[in-house]
């Protein structure tokens, strides 16, 4: 019972963490694109 409960809790935590991590990944990609576009304009 304890193993199943721990696994279920870990899955819930991973689901909660996956959303912010995905958001951070998308934001980092957007920032990289903006920085690269500005750098190309300067050069």
Protein backbone atom coordinates (compact mmCIF):
# COMPACT_ATOMS: atom_id res chain seq x y z
CA UNK A 1 0.00 0.00 0.00
CA UNK A 2 2.75 2.46 0.91
CA UNK A 3 4.60 1.84 -2.36
CA UNK A 4 1.46 2.46 -4.42
CA UNK A 5 0.62 5.62 -2.44
CA UNK A 6 4.17 6.94 -2.88
CA UNK A 7 4.11 6.21 -6.61
CA UNK A 8 0.72 7.93 -6.98
CA UNK A 9 1.96 10.97 -5.04
CA UNK A 10 5.14 11.11 -7.17
CA UNK A 11 3.07 11.00 -10.36
CA UNK A 12 0.90 13.88 -9.10
CA UNK A 13 4.00 15.92 -8.20
CA UNK A 14 5.60 15.21 -11.58
CA UNK A 15 2.40 16.33 -13.33
CA UNK A 16 2.36 19.55 -11.29
CA UNK A 17 6.05 20.19 -12.06
CA UNK A 18 5.78 19.34 -15.77
CA UNK A 19 3.55 22.35 -16.55
CA UNK A 20 5.93 25.03 -15.16
CA UNK A 21 8.91 23.24 -16.71
CA UNK A 22 7.21 23.25 -20.12
CA UNK A 23 6.41 26.96 -19.66
CA UNK A 24 10.04 27.70 -18.78
CA UNK A 25 11.21 25.79 -21.86
CA UNK A 26 8.88 27.74 -24.14
CA UNK A 27 9.93 31.05 -22.54
CA UNK A 28 13.63 30.22 -22.91
CA UNK A 29 13.12 29.38 -26.60
CA UNK A 30 11.26 32.66 -27.17
CA UNK A 31 14.01 34.62 -25.40
CA UNK A 32 16.68 32.87 -27.49
CA UNK A 33 14.81 33.73 -30.70
CA UNK A 34 14.46 37.38 -29.65
CA UNK A 35 18.14 37.63 -28.71
CA UNK A 36 19.25 36.01 -31.97
CA UNK A 37 17.03 38.31 -34.05
CA UNK A 38 18.39 41.40 -32.27
CA UNK A 39 21.96 40.14 -32.66
CA UNK A 40 21.45 39.58 -36.39
CA UNK A 41 19.99 43.09 -36.79
CA UNK A 42 23.03 44.60 -35.08
CA UNK A 43 25.43 42.53 -37.21
